[in-house]
Full PDB file with SEQRES, HELIX, SHEET, SSBOND, CRYST1, ORIGX, SCALE, CONECT and MASTER records, all heavy atoms in Angstrom:
SEQRES   1 A   42  ILE PRO CYS HIS ARG VAL ILE GLY ARG ASN GLY ASN LEU          
SEQRES   2 A   42  ARG GLY TYR ALA PRO GLY VAL ASP LYS LYS GLU ILE LEU          
SEQRES   3 A   42  LEU LYS LEU GLU LYS ALA PHE ASN LEU VAL SER TYR CYS          
SEQRES   4 A   42  SER THR ASP                                                  
HELIX    1 AA1 CYS A    3  ARG A    5  5                                   3    
HELIX    2 AA2 VAL A   20  GLU A   30  1                                  11    
CRYST1    1.000    1.000    1.000  90.00  90.00  90.00 P 1           1          
ORIGX1      1.000000  0.000000  0.000000        0.00000                         
ORIGX2      0.000000  1.000000  0.000000        0.00000                         
ORIGX3      0.000000  0.000000  1.000000        0.00000                         
SCALE1      1.000000  0.000000  0.000000        0.00000                         
SCALE2      0.000000  1.000000  0.000000        0.00000                         
SCALE3      0.000000  0.000000  1.000000        0.00000                         
ATOM      1  N   ILE A   1       3.359  79.336  39.654  1.00  0.00           N  
ATOM      2  CA  ILE A   1       2.399  78.985  40.702  1.00  0.00           C  
ATOM      3  C   ILE A   1       3.304  78.816  41.912  1.00  0.00           C  
ATOM      4  O   ILE A   1       4.057  77.842  42.055  1.00  0.00           O  
ATOM      5  CB  ILE A   1       1.610  77.675  40.421  1.00  0.00           C  
ATOM      6  CG1 ILE A   1       0.807  77.890  39.136  1.00  0.00           C  
ATOM      7  CG2 ILE A   1       0.727  77.281  41.539  1.00  0.00           C  
ATOM      8  CD1 ILE A   1       0.108  76.627  38.680  1.00  0.00           C  
ATOM      9  N   PRO A   2       3.309  79.827  42.819  1.00  0.00           N  
ATOM     10  CA  PRO A   2       4.332  79.895  43.822  1.00  0.00           C  
ATOM     11  C   PRO A   2       4.269  78.939  44.999  1.00  0.00           C  
ATOM     12  O   PRO A   2       4.087  79.383  46.196  1.00  0.00           O  
ATOM     13  CB  PRO A   2       4.236  81.368  44.273  1.00  0.00           C  
ATOM     14  CG  PRO A   2       2.745  81.654  44.136  1.00  0.00           C  
ATOM     15  CD  PRO A   2       2.346  80.899  42.889  1.00  0.00           C  
ATOM     16  N   CYS A   3       4.391  77.671  44.826  1.00  0.00           N  
ATOM     17  CA  CYS A   3       4.337  76.705  45.936  1.00  0.00           C  
ATOM     18  C   CYS A   3       5.544  76.915  46.815  1.00  0.00           C  
ATOM     19  O   CYS A   3       5.481  76.518  48.010  1.00  0.00           O  
ATOM     20  CB  CYS A   3       4.280  75.290  45.337  1.00  0.00           C  
ATOM     21  SG  CYS A   3       5.645  74.850  44.271  1.00  0.00           S  
ATOM     22  N   HIS A   4       6.591  77.582  46.414  1.00  0.00           N  
ATOM     23  CA  HIS A   4       7.757  77.882  47.261  1.00  0.00           C  
ATOM     24  C   HIS A   4       7.365  78.849  48.434  1.00  0.00           C  
ATOM     25  O   HIS A   4       8.077  78.904  49.350  1.00  0.00           O  
ATOM     26  CB  HIS A   4       8.886  78.457  46.465  1.00  0.00           C  
ATOM     27  CG  HIS A   4       8.606  79.727  45.755  1.00  0.00           C  
ATOM     28  ND1 HIS A   4       7.918  79.852  44.516  1.00  0.00           N  
ATOM     29  CD2 HIS A   4       8.886  80.988  46.119  1.00  0.00           C  
ATOM     30  CE1 HIS A   4       7.847  81.107  44.215  1.00  0.00           C  
ATOM     31  NE2 HIS A   4       8.378  81.810  45.161  1.00  0.00           N  
ATOM     32  N   ARG A   5       6.229  79.525  48.318  1.00  0.00           N  
ATOM     33  CA  ARG A   5       5.786  80.489  49.310  1.00  0.00           C  
ATOM     34  C   ARG A   5       5.037  79.786  50.450  1.00  0.00           C  
ATOM     35  O   ARG A   5       4.543  80.466  51.291  1.00  0.00           O  
ATOM     36  CB  ARG A   5       4.915  81.579  48.701  1.00  0.00           C  
ATOM     37  CG  ARG A   5       5.670  82.476  47.722  1.00  0.00           C  
ATOM     38  CD  ARG A   5       4.888  83.501  47.137  1.00  0.00           C  
ATOM     39  NE  ARG A   5       5.654  84.220  46.068  1.00  0.00           N  
ATOM     40  CZ  ARG A   5       5.114  84.742  45.050  1.00  0.00           C  
ATOM     41  NH1 ARG A   5       3.725  84.777  44.891  1.00  0.00           N  
ATOM     42  NH2 ARG A   5       5.834  85.317  44.138  1.00  0.00           N  
ATOM     43  N   VAL A   6       4.983  78.467  50.430  1.00  0.00           N  
ATOM     44  CA  VAL A   6       4.203  77.731  51.487  1.00  0.00           C  
ATOM     45  C   VAL A   6       5.256  77.007  52.344  1.00  0.00           C  
ATOM     46  O   VAL A   6       6.092  76.304  51.816  1.00  0.00           O  
ATOM     47  CB  VAL A   6       3.198  76.756  50.835  1.00  0.00           C  
ATOM     48  CG1 VAL A   6       2.417  76.036  51.884  1.00  0.00           C  
ATOM     49  CG2 VAL A   6       2.319  77.464  49.934  1.00  0.00           C  
ATOM     50  N   ILE A   7       5.074  77.217  53.683  1.00  0.00           N  
ATOM     51  CA  ILE A   7       6.023  76.672  54.619  1.00  0.00           C  
ATOM     52  C   ILE A   7       5.269  75.859  55.711  1.00  0.00           C  
ATOM     53  O   ILE A   7       4.065  75.970  55.779  1.00  0.00           O  
ATOM     54  CB  ILE A   7       6.856  77.741  55.288  1.00  0.00           C  
ATOM     55  CG1 ILE A   7       6.018  78.729  56.066  1.00  0.00           C  
ATOM     56  CG2 ILE A   7       7.725  78.548  54.249  1.00  0.00           C  
ATOM     57  CD1 ILE A   7       6.776  79.760  56.981  1.00  0.00           C  
ATOM     58  N   GLY A   8       6.044  75.199  56.536  1.00  0.00           N  
ATOM     59  CA  GLY A   8       5.419  74.393  57.639  1.00  0.00           C  
ATOM     60  C   GLY A   8       4.921  75.387  58.716  1.00  0.00           C  
ATOM     61  O   GLY A   8       5.376  76.533  58.829  1.00  0.00           O  
ATOM     62  N   ARG A   9       3.967  74.934  59.482  1.00  0.00           N  
ATOM     63  CA  ARG A   9       3.343  75.758  60.561  1.00  0.00           C  
ATOM     64  C   ARG A   9       4.379  76.332  61.567  1.00  0.00           C  
ATOM     65  O   ARG A   9       4.150  77.375  62.117  1.00  0.00           O  
ATOM     66  CB  ARG A   9       2.239  74.988  61.236  1.00  0.00           C  
ATOM     67  CG  ARG A   9       1.381  75.850  62.115  1.00  0.00           C  
ATOM     68  CD  ARG A   9       0.185  75.117  62.606  1.00  0.00           C  
ATOM     69  NE  ARG A   9       0.517  73.994  63.447  1.00  0.00           N  
ATOM     70  CZ  ARG A   9      -0.364  73.136  63.914  1.00  0.00           C  
ATOM     71  NH1 ARG A   9      -1.618  73.274  63.630  1.00  0.00           N  
ATOM     72  NH2 ARG A   9       0.019  72.138  64.657  1.00  0.00           N  
ATOM     73  N   ASN A  10       5.382  75.550  61.824  1.00  0.00           N  
ATOM     74  CA  ASN A  10       6.423  75.933  62.756  1.00  0.00           C  
ATOM     75  C   ASN A  10       7.489  76.859  62.145  1.00  0.00           C  
ATOM     76  O   ASN A  10       8.440  77.222  62.756  1.00  0.00           O  
ATOM     77  CB  ASN A  10       7.130  74.784  63.450  1.00  0.00           C  
ATOM     78  CG  ASN A  10       7.830  73.915  62.424  1.00  0.00           C  
ATOM     79  OD1 ASN A  10       7.837  74.212  61.207  1.00  0.00           O  
ATOM     80  ND2 ASN A  10       8.384  72.813  62.905  1.00  0.00           N  
ATOM     81  N   GLY A  11       7.295  77.235  60.849  1.00  0.00           N  
ATOM     82  CA  GLY A  11       8.196  78.176  60.192  1.00  0.00           C  
ATOM     83  C   GLY A  11       9.290  77.444  59.389  1.00  0.00           C  
ATOM     84  O   GLY A  11      10.040  78.043  58.681  1.00  0.00           O  
ATOM     85  N   ASN A  12       9.339  76.093  59.450  1.00  0.00           N  
ATOM     86  CA  ASN A  12      10.331  75.300  58.793  1.00  0.00           C  
ATOM     87  C   ASN A  12       9.950  75.161  57.281  1.00  0.00           C  
ATOM     88  O   ASN A  12       8.761  75.132  56.913  1.00  0.00           O  
ATOM     89  CB  ASN A  12      10.442  73.865  59.332  1.00  0.00           C  
ATOM     90  CG  ASN A  12      11.182  73.890  60.654  1.00  0.00           C  
ATOM     91  OD1 ASN A  12      11.857  74.817  61.054  1.00  0.00           O  
ATOM     92  ND2 ASN A  12      10.960  72.789  61.416  1.00  0.00           N  
ATOM     93  N   LEU A  13      11.038  75.191  56.431  1.00  0.00           N  
ATOM     94  CA  LEU A  13      10.773  74.957  55.073  1.00  0.00           C  
ATOM     95  C   LEU A  13      10.463  73.463  54.881  1.00  0.00           C  
ATOM     96  O   LEU A  13      11.136  72.594  55.513  1.00  0.00           O  
ATOM     97  CB  LEU A  13      12.015  75.334  54.236  1.00  0.00           C  
ATOM     98  CG  LEU A  13      12.467  76.758  54.350  1.00  0.00           C  
ATOM     99  CD1 LEU A  13      13.634  76.999  53.429  1.00  0.00           C  
ATOM    100  CD2 LEU A  13      11.330  77.722  54.013  1.00  0.00           C  
ATOM    101  N   ARG A  14       9.497  73.143  54.105  1.00  0.00           N  
ATOM    102  CA  ARG A  14       9.148  71.779  53.853  1.00  0.00           C  
ATOM    103  C   ARG A  14       9.447  71.451  52.403  1.00  0.00           C  
ATOM    104  O   ARG A  14       9.834  72.342  51.617  1.00  0.00           O  
ATOM    105  CB  ARG A  14       7.660  71.492  54.075  1.00  0.00           C  
ATOM    106  CG  ARG A  14       7.310  71.756  55.562  1.00  0.00           C  
ATOM    107  CD  ARG A  14       7.578  70.532  56.366  1.00  0.00           C  
ATOM    108  NE  ARG A  14       7.108  70.745  57.757  1.00  0.00           N  
ATOM    109  CZ  ARG A  14       7.896  70.476  58.792  1.00  0.00           C  
ATOM    110  NH1 ARG A  14       9.112  70.067  58.665  1.00  0.00           N  
ATOM    111  NH2 ARG A  14       7.353  70.672  59.998  1.00  0.00           N  
ATOM    112  N   GLY A  15       9.170  70.243  51.937  1.00  0.00           N  
ATOM    113  CA  GLY A  15       9.594  69.785  50.618  1.00  0.00           C  
ATOM    114  C   GLY A  15       9.313  70.762  49.456  1.00  0.00           C  
ATOM    115  O   GLY A  15       8.421  71.586  49.527  1.00  0.00           O  
ATOM    116  N   TYR A  16      10.153  70.631  48.504  1.00  0.00           N  
ATOM    117  CA  TYR A  16      10.041  71.424  47.248  1.00  0.00           C  
ATOM    118  C   TYR A  16      10.689  70.586  46.165  1.00  0.00           C  
ATOM    119  O   TYR A  16      11.824  70.103  46.338  1.00  0.00           O  
ATOM    120  CB  TYR A  16      10.748  72.795  47.416  1.00  0.00           C  
ATOM    121  CG  TYR A  16      10.632  73.696  46.258  1.00  0.00           C  
ATOM    122  CD1 TYR A  16       9.367  74.169  45.894  1.00  0.00           C  
ATOM    123  CD2 TYR A  16      11.676  74.180  45.544  1.00  0.00           C  
ATOM    124  CE1 TYR A  16       9.205  75.036  44.812  1.00  0.00           C  
ATOM    125  CE2 TYR A  16      11.516  75.045  44.509  1.00  0.00           C  
ATOM    126  CZ  TYR A  16      10.247  75.486  44.071  1.00  0.00           C  
ATOM    127  OH  TYR A  16      10.103  76.384  43.074  1.00  0.00           O  
ATOM    128  N   ALA A  17       9.941  70.357  45.062  1.00  0.00           N  
ATOM    129  CA  ALA A  17      10.424  69.406  44.067  1.00  0.00           C  
ATOM    130  C   ALA A  17      11.903  69.631  43.611  1.00  0.00           C  
ATOM    131  O   ALA A  17      12.644  68.635  43.558  1.00  0.00           O  
ATOM    132  CB  ALA A  17       9.497  69.447  42.865  1.00  0.00           C  
ATOM    133  N   PRO A  18      12.317  70.829  43.384  1.00  0.00           N  
ATOM    134  CA  PRO A  18      13.710  71.032  42.982  1.00  0.00           C  
ATOM    135  C   PRO A  18      14.665  70.934  44.163  1.00  0.00           C  
ATOM    136  O   PRO A  18      15.920  70.829  43.991  1.00  0.00           O  
ATOM    137  CB  PRO A  18      13.786  72.492  42.419  1.00  0.00           C  
ATOM    138  CG  PRO A  18      12.348  72.832  42.137  1.00  0.00           C  
ATOM    139  CD  PRO A  18      11.527  72.055  43.091  1.00  0.00           C  
ATOM    140  N   GLY A  19      14.153  70.859  45.409  1.00  0.00           N  
ATOM    141  CA  GLY A  19      15.013  70.800  46.602  1.00  0.00           C  
ATOM    142  C   GLY A  19      14.689  72.003  47.517  1.00  0.00           C  
ATOM    143  O   GLY A  19      14.460  73.090  47.041  1.00  0.00           O  
ATOM    144  N   VAL A  20      14.726  71.700  48.853  1.00  0.00           N  
ATOM    145  CA  VAL A  20      14.448  72.726  49.870  1.00  0.00           C  
ATOM    146  C   VAL A  20      15.461  73.880  49.772  1.00  0.00           C  
ATOM    147  O   VAL A  20      15.139  75.029  49.929  1.00  0.00           O  
ATOM    148  CB  VAL A  20      14.447  72.133  51.198  1.00  0.00           C  
ATOM    149  CG1 VAL A  20      14.286  73.217  52.367  1.00  0.00           C  
ATOM    150  CG2 VAL A  20      13.215  71.190  51.371  1.00  0.00           C  
ATOM    151  N   ASP A  21      16.721  73.595  49.380  1.00  0.00           N  
ATOM    152  CA  ASP A  21      17.730  74.657  49.178  1.00  0.00           C  
ATOM    153  C   ASP A  21      17.260  75.654  48.070  1.00  0.00           C  
ATOM    154  O   ASP A  21      17.518  76.827  48.210  1.00  0.00           O  
ATOM    155  CB  ASP A  21      19.049  74.057  48.880  1.00  0.00           C  
ATOM    156  CG  ASP A  21      19.097  73.204  47.576  1.00  0.00           C  
ATOM    157  OD1 ASP A  21      18.099  72.467  47.356  1.00  0.00           O  
ATOM    158  OD2 ASP A  21      20.117  73.209  46.861  1.00  0.00           O  
ATOM    159  N   LYS A  22      16.613  75.111  47.052  1.00  0.00           N  
ATOM    160  CA  LYS A  22      16.122  76.015  45.992  1.00  0.00           C  
ATOM    161  C   LYS A  22      14.943  76.862  46.481  1.00  0.00           C  
ATOM    162  O   LYS A  22      14.789  77.970  46.113  1.00  0.00           O  
ATOM    163  CB  LYS A  22      15.672  75.208  44.768  1.00  0.00           C  
ATOM    164  CG  LYS A  22      16.710  74.186  44.234  1.00  0.00           C  
ATOM    165  CD  LYS A  22      17.946  74.769  43.782  1.00  0.00           C  
ATOM    166  CE  LYS A  22      18.739  73.834  42.982  1.00  0.00           C  
ATOM    167  NZ  LYS A  22      19.890  73.202  43.635  1.00  0.00           N  
ATOM    168  N   LYS A  23      14.142  76.298  47.318  1.00  0.00           N  
ATOM    169  CA  LYS A  23      13.020  77.031  47.951  1.00  0.00           C  
ATOM    170  C   LYS A  23      13.523  78.088  48.757  1.00  0.00           C  
ATOM    171  O   LYS A  23      13.009  79.263  48.651  1.00  0.00           O  
ATOM    172  CB  LYS A  23      12.206  76.047  48.843  1.00  0.00           C  
ATOM    173  CG  LYS A  23      10.952  76.654  49.465  1.00  0.00           C  
ATOM    174  CD  LYS A  23      10.218  75.537  50.183  1.00  0.00           C  
ATOM    175  CE  LYS A  23       8.743  75.950  50.516  1.00  0.00           C  
ATOM    176  NZ  LYS A  23       7.941  74.848  50.890  1.00  0.00           N  
ATOM    177  N   GLU A  24      14.564  77.904  49.550  1.00  0.00           N  
ATOM    178  CA  GLU A  24      15.195  78.888  50.352  1.00  0.00           C  
ATOM    179  C   GLU A  24      15.757  80.063  49.406  1.00  0.00           C  
ATOM    180  O   GLU A  24      15.576  81.241  49.736  1.00  0.00           O  
ATOM    181  CB  GLU A  24      16.314  78.298  51.148  1.00  0.00           C  
ATOM    182  CG  GLU A  24      17.005  79.315  52.105  1.00  0.00           C  
ATOM    183  CD  GLU A  24      18.040  78.695  52.992  1.00  0.00           C  
ATOM    184  OE1 GLU A  24      18.227  77.508  52.966  1.00  0.00           O  
ATOM    185  OE2 GLU A  24      18.647  79.441  53.725  1.00  0.00           O  
ATOM    186  N   ILE A  25      16.402  79.721  48.328  1.00  0.00           N  
ATOM    187  CA  ILE A  25      16.872  80.741  47.389  1.00  0.00           C  
ATOM    188  C   ILE A  25      15.778  81.596  46.888  1.00  0.00           C  
ATOM    189  O   ILE A  25      15.885  82.865  46.900  1.00  0.00           O  
ATOM    190  CB  ILE A  25      17.614  80.091  46.191  1.00  0.00           C  
ATOM    191  CG1 ILE A  25      18.909  79.442  46.663  1.00  0.00           C  
ATOM    192  CG2 ILE A  25      17.878  81.037  45.103  1.00  0.00           C  
ATOM    193  CD1 ILE A  25      19.569  78.510  45.645  1.00  0.00           C  
ATOM    194  N   LEU A  26      14.653  80.997  46.507  1.00  0.00           N  
ATOM    195  CA  LEU A  26      13.494  81.813  46.016  1.00  0.00           C  
ATOM    196  C   LEU A  26      12.918  82.686  47.060  1.00  0.00           C  
ATOM    197  O   LEU A  26      12.568  83.858  46.810  1.00  0.00           O  
ATOM    198  CB  LEU A  26      12.422  80.848  45.426  1.00  0.00           C  
ATOM    199  CG  LEU A  26      12.858  80.052  44.175  1.00  0.00           C  
ATOM    200  CD1 LEU A  26      11.807  79.061  43.811  1.00  0.00           C  
ATOM    201  CD2 LEU A  26      13.117  81.013  43.014  1.00  0.00           C  
ATOM    202  N   LEU A  27      12.788  82.149  48.321  1.00  0.00           N  
ATOM    203  CA  LEU A  27      12.223  83.011  49.398  1.00  0.00           C  
ATOM    204  C   LEU A  27      13.119  84.136  49.727  1.00  0.00           C  
ATOM    205  O   LEU A  27      12.689  85.231  50.011  1.00  0.00           O  
ATOM    206  CB  LEU A  27      11.955  82.099  50.578  1.00  0.00           C  
ATOM    207  CG  LEU A  27      10.756  81.146  50.449  1.00  0.00           C  
ATOM    208  CD1 LEU A  27      10.656  80.229  51.644  1.00  0.00           C  
ATOM    209  CD2 LEU A  27       9.469  81.833  50.121  1.00  0.00           C  
ATOM    210  N   LYS A  28      14.440  83.800  49.733  1.00  0.00           N  
ATOM    211  CA  LYS A  28      15.395  84.918  50.011  1.00  0.00           C  
ATOM    212  C   LYS A  28      15.355  85.985  48.870  1.00  0.00           C  
ATOM    213  O   LYS A  28      15.422  87.175  49.119  1.00  0.00           O  
ATOM    214  CB  LYS A  28      16.830  84.366  50.148  1.00  0.00           C  
ATOM    215  CG  LYS A  28      17.020  83.686  51.519  1.00  0.00           C  
ATOM    216  CD  LYS A  28      18.458  83.261  51.631  1.00  0.00           C  
ATOM    217  CE  LYS A  28      18.661  82.673  52.990  1.00  0.00           C  
ATOM    218  NZ  LYS A  28      20.046  82.150  53.188  1.00  0.00           N  
ATOM    219  N   LEU A  29      15.190  85.536  47.619  1.00  0.00           N  
ATOM    220  CA  LEU A  29      15.020  86.362  46.481  1.00  0.00           C  
ATOM    221  C   LEU A  29      13.869  87.343  46.718  1.00  0.00           C  
ATOM    222  O   LEU A  29      13.943  88.538  46.458  1.00  0.00           O  
ATOM    223  CB  LEU A  29      14.851  85.599  45.248  1.00  0.00           C  
ATOM    224  CG  LEU A  29      14.660  86.403  43.959  1.00  0.00           C  
ATOM    225  CD1 LEU A  29      16.025  86.793  43.429  1.00  0.00           C  
ATOM    226  CD2 LEU A  29      13.989  85.576  42.910  1.00  0.00           C  
ATOM    227  N   GLU A  30      12.782  86.796  47.245  1.00  0.00           N  
ATOM    228  CA  GLU A  30      11.578  87.528  47.480  1.00  0.00           C  
ATOM    229  C   GLU A  30      11.606  88.241  48.885  1.00  0.00           C  
ATOM    230  O   GLU A  30      10.666  88.877  49.265  1.00  0.00           O  
ATOM    231  CB  GLU A  30      10.356  86.645  47.316  1.00  0.00           C  
ATOM    232  CG  GLU A  30      10.140  86.121  45.962  1.00  0.00           C  
ATOM    233  CD  GLU A  30       8.916  85.295  45.814  1.00  0.00           C  
ATOM    234  OE1 GLU A  30       8.015  85.389  46.718  1.00  0.00           O  
ATOM    235  OE2 GLU A  30       8.755  84.707  44.751  1.00  0.00           O  
ATOM    236  N   LYS A  31      12.667  87.981  49.655  1.00  0.00           N  
ATOM    237  CA  LYS A  31      12.846  88.560  50.906  1.00  0.00           C  
ATOM    238  C   LYS A  31      11.792  88.131  51.964  1.00  0.00           C  
ATOM    239  O   LYS A  31      11.523  88.755  52.925  1.00  0.00           O  
ATOM    240  CB  LYS A  31      12.932  90.083  50.857  1.00  0.00           C  
ATOM    241  CG  LYS A  31      13.906  90.598  49.913  1.00  0.00           C  
ATOM    242  CD  LYS A  31      14.573  91.923  50.407  1.00  0.00           C  
ATOM    243  CE  LYS A  31      15.549  92.495  49.523  1.00  0.00           C  
ATOM    244  NZ  LYS A  31      16.393  91.757  48.738  1.00  0.00           N  
ATOM    245  N   ALA A  32      11.155  86.945  51.685  1.00  0.00           N  
ATOM    246  CA  ALA A  32      10.207  86.433  52.637  1.00  0.00           C  
ATOM    247  C   ALA A  32      10.820  85.501  53.666  1.00  0.00           C  
ATOM    248  O   ALA A  32      10.292  85.381  54.759  1.00  0.00           O  
ATOM    249  CB  ALA A  32       9.114  85.643  51.898  1.00  0.00           C  
ATOM    250  N   PHE A  33      11.952  84.934  53.348  1.00  0.00           N  
ATOM    251  CA  PHE A  33      12.564  83.933  54.182  1.00  0.00           C  
ATOM    252  C   PHE A  33      13.070  84.524  55.509  1.00  0.00           C  
ATOM    253  O   PHE A  33      13.052  83.898  56.527  1.00  0.00           O  
ATOM    254  CB  PHE A  33      13.691  83.275  53.469  1.00  0.00           C  
ATOM    255  CG  PHE A  33      14.340  82.124  54.274  1.00  0.00           C  
ATOM    256  CD1 PHE A  33      13.659  80.950  54.480  1.00  0.00           C  
ATOM    257  CD2 PHE A  33      15.557  82.338  54.857  1.00  0.00           C  
ATOM    258  CE1 PHE A  33      14.246  79.931  55.205  1.00  0.00           C  
ATOM    259  CE2 PHE A  33      16.132  81.275  55.570  1.00  0.00           C  
ATOM    260  CZ  PHE A  33      15.473  80.099  55.746  1.00  0.00           C  
ATOM    261  N   ASN A  34      13.510  85.772  55.463  1.00  0.00           N  
ATOM    262  CA  ASN A  34      14.087  86.368  56.684  1.00  0.00           C  
ATOM    263  C   ASN A  34      13.101  87.032  57.565  1.00  0.00           C  
ATOM    264  O   ASN A  34      13.505  87.889  58.349  1.00  0.00           O  
ATOM    265  CB  ASN A  34      15.220  87.307  56.270  1.00  0.00           C  
ATOM    266  CG  ASN A  34      16.416  86.539  55.663  1.00  0.00           C  
ATOM    267  OD1 ASN A  34      16.724  85.443  56.086  1.00  0.00           O  
ATOM    268  ND2 ASN A  34      17.001  87.112  54.664  1.00  0.00           N  
ATOM    269  N   LEU A  35      11.796  86.761  57.503  1.00  0.00           N  
ATOM    270  CA  LEU A  35      10.810  87.345  58.401  1.00  0.00           C  
ATOM    271  C   LEU A  35      11.187  86.949  59.792  1.00  0.00           C  
ATOM    272  O   LEU A  35      11.515  85.823  60.135  1.00  0.00           O  
ATOM    273  CB  LEU A  35       9.454  86.877  57.996  1.00  0.00           C  
ATOM    274  CG  LEU A  35       8.943  87.302  56.624  1.00  0.00           C  
ATOM    275  CD1 LEU A  35       7.586  86.727  56.375  1.00  0.00           C  
ATOM    276  CD2 LEU A  35       8.900  88.846  56.516  1.00  0.00           C  
ATOM    277  N   VAL A  36      11.061  87.928  60.740  1.00  0.00           N  
ATOM    278  CA  VAL A  36      11.388  87.677  62.171  1.00  0.00           C  
ATOM    279  C   VAL A  36      10.404  86.643  62.658  1.00  0.00           C  
ATOM    280  O   VAL A  36      10.772  85.738  63.439  1.00  0.00           O  
ATOM    281  CB  VAL A  36      11.392  88.946  62.961  1.00  0.00           C  
ATOM    282  CG1 VAL A  36      11.555  88.685  64.443  1.00  0.00           C  
ATOM    283  CG2 VAL A  36      12.377  89.893  62.419  1.00  0.00           C  
ATOM    284  N   SER A  37       9.133  86.804  62.369  1.00  0.00           N  
ATOM    285  CA  SER A  37       8.121  85.849  62.894  1.00  0.00           C  
ATOM    286  C   SER A  37       7.015  85.694  61.866  1.00  0.00           C  
ATOM    287  O   SER A  37       6.849  86.541  61.007  1.00  0.00           O  
ATOM    288  CB  SER A  37       7.570  86.304  64.243  1.00  0.00           C  
ATOM    289  OG  SER A  37       6.824  87.493  64.012  1.00  0.00           O  
ATOM    290  N   TYR A  38       6.333  84.608  62.032  1.00  0.00           N  
ATOM    291  CA  TYR A  38       5.198  84.368  61.151  1.00  0.00           C  
ATOM    292  C   TYR A  38       3.991  83.990  61.955  1.00  0.00           C  
ATOM    293  O   TYR A  38       4.089  83.162  62.813  1.00  0.00           O  
ATOM    294  CB  TYR A  38       5.472  83.247  60.128  1.00  0.00           C  
ATOM    295  CG  TYR A  38       4.318  82.961  59.292  1.00  0.00           C  
ATOM    296  CD1 TYR A  38       3.930  83.794  58.279  1.00  0.00           C  
ATOM    297  CD2 TYR A  38       3.503  81.862  59.576  1.00  0.00           C  
ATOM    298  CE1 TYR A  38       2.876  83.550  57.475  1.00  0.00           C  
ATOM    299  CE2 TYR A  38       2.343  81.629  58.824  1.00  0.00           C  
ATOM    300  CZ  TYR A  38       2.035  82.498  57.804  1.00  0.00           C  
ATOM    301  OH  TYR A  38       0.924  82.251  57.074  1.00  0.00           O  
ATOM    302  N   CYS A  39       2.870  84.660  61.719  1.00  0.00           N  
ATOM    303  CA  CYS A  39       1.656  84.391  62.461  1.00  0.00           C  
ATOM    304  C   CYS A  39       0.711  83.605  61.564  1.00  0.00           C  
ATOM    305  O   CYS A  39       0.260  84.127  60.589  1.00  0.00           O  
ATOM    306  CB  CYS A  39       0.989  85.661  62.924  1.00  0.00           C  
ATOM    307  SG  CYS A  39       1.998  86.572  64.065  1.00  0.00           S  
ATOM    308  N   SER A  40       0.482  82.382  61.913  1.00  0.00           N  
ATOM    309  CA  SER A  40      -0.487  81.516  61.150  1.00  0.00           C  
ATOM    310  C   SER A  40      -1.900  81.885  61.620  1.00  0.00           C  
ATOM    311  O   SER A  40      -2.151  82.496  62.620  1.00  0.00           O  
ATOM    312  CB  SER A  40      -0.216  80.077  61.473  1.00  0.00           C  
ATOM    313  OG  SER A  40      -1.120  79.247  60.889  1.00  0.00           O  
ATOM    314  N   THR A  41      -2.848  81.526  60.772  1.00  0.00           N  
ATOM    315  CA  THR A  41      -4.253  81.788  61.107  1.00  0.00           C  
ATOM    316  C   THR A  41      -4.815  80.777  62.042  1.00  0.00           C  
ATOM    317  O   THR A  41      -5.997  80.829  62.384  1.00  0.00           O  
ATOM    318  CB  THR A  41      -5.079  81.787  59.765  1.00  0.00           C  
ATOM    319  OG1 THR A  41      -4.946  80.523  59.195  1.00  0.00           O  
ATOM    320  CG2 THR A  41      -4.717  82.889  58.886  1.00  0.00           C  
ATOM    321  N   ASP A  42      -4.051  79.775  62.518  1.00  0.00           N  
ATOM    322  CA  ASP A  42      -4.594  78.798  63.416  1.00  0.00           C  
ATOM    323  C   ASP A  42      -4.456  79.192  64.876  1.00  0.00           C  
ATOM    324  O   ASP A  42      -3.891  80.127  65.276  1.00  0.00           O  
ATOM    325  CB  ASP A  42      -3.949  77.421  63.250  1.00  0.00           C  
ATOM    326  CG  ASP A  42      -2.437  77.408  63.493  1.00  0.00           C  
ATOM    327  OD1 ASP A  42      -1.842  78.490  63.581  1.00  0.00           O  
ATOM    328  OD2 ASP A  42      -1.850  76.304  63.524  1.00  0.00           O  
TER     329      ASP A  42                                                      
MASTER        0    0    0    2    0    0    0    6  328    1    0    4          
END                                                                             
């Protein structure tokens, strides 16, 4: 259940039970972390 794919509205990584550093590893693994920009629906 990919809670690691949820980030703060400003693009910052927010809490992750194993640690934000682990969230970053998973996002980099999935190549989502290095997106140039993110457009929220708000």
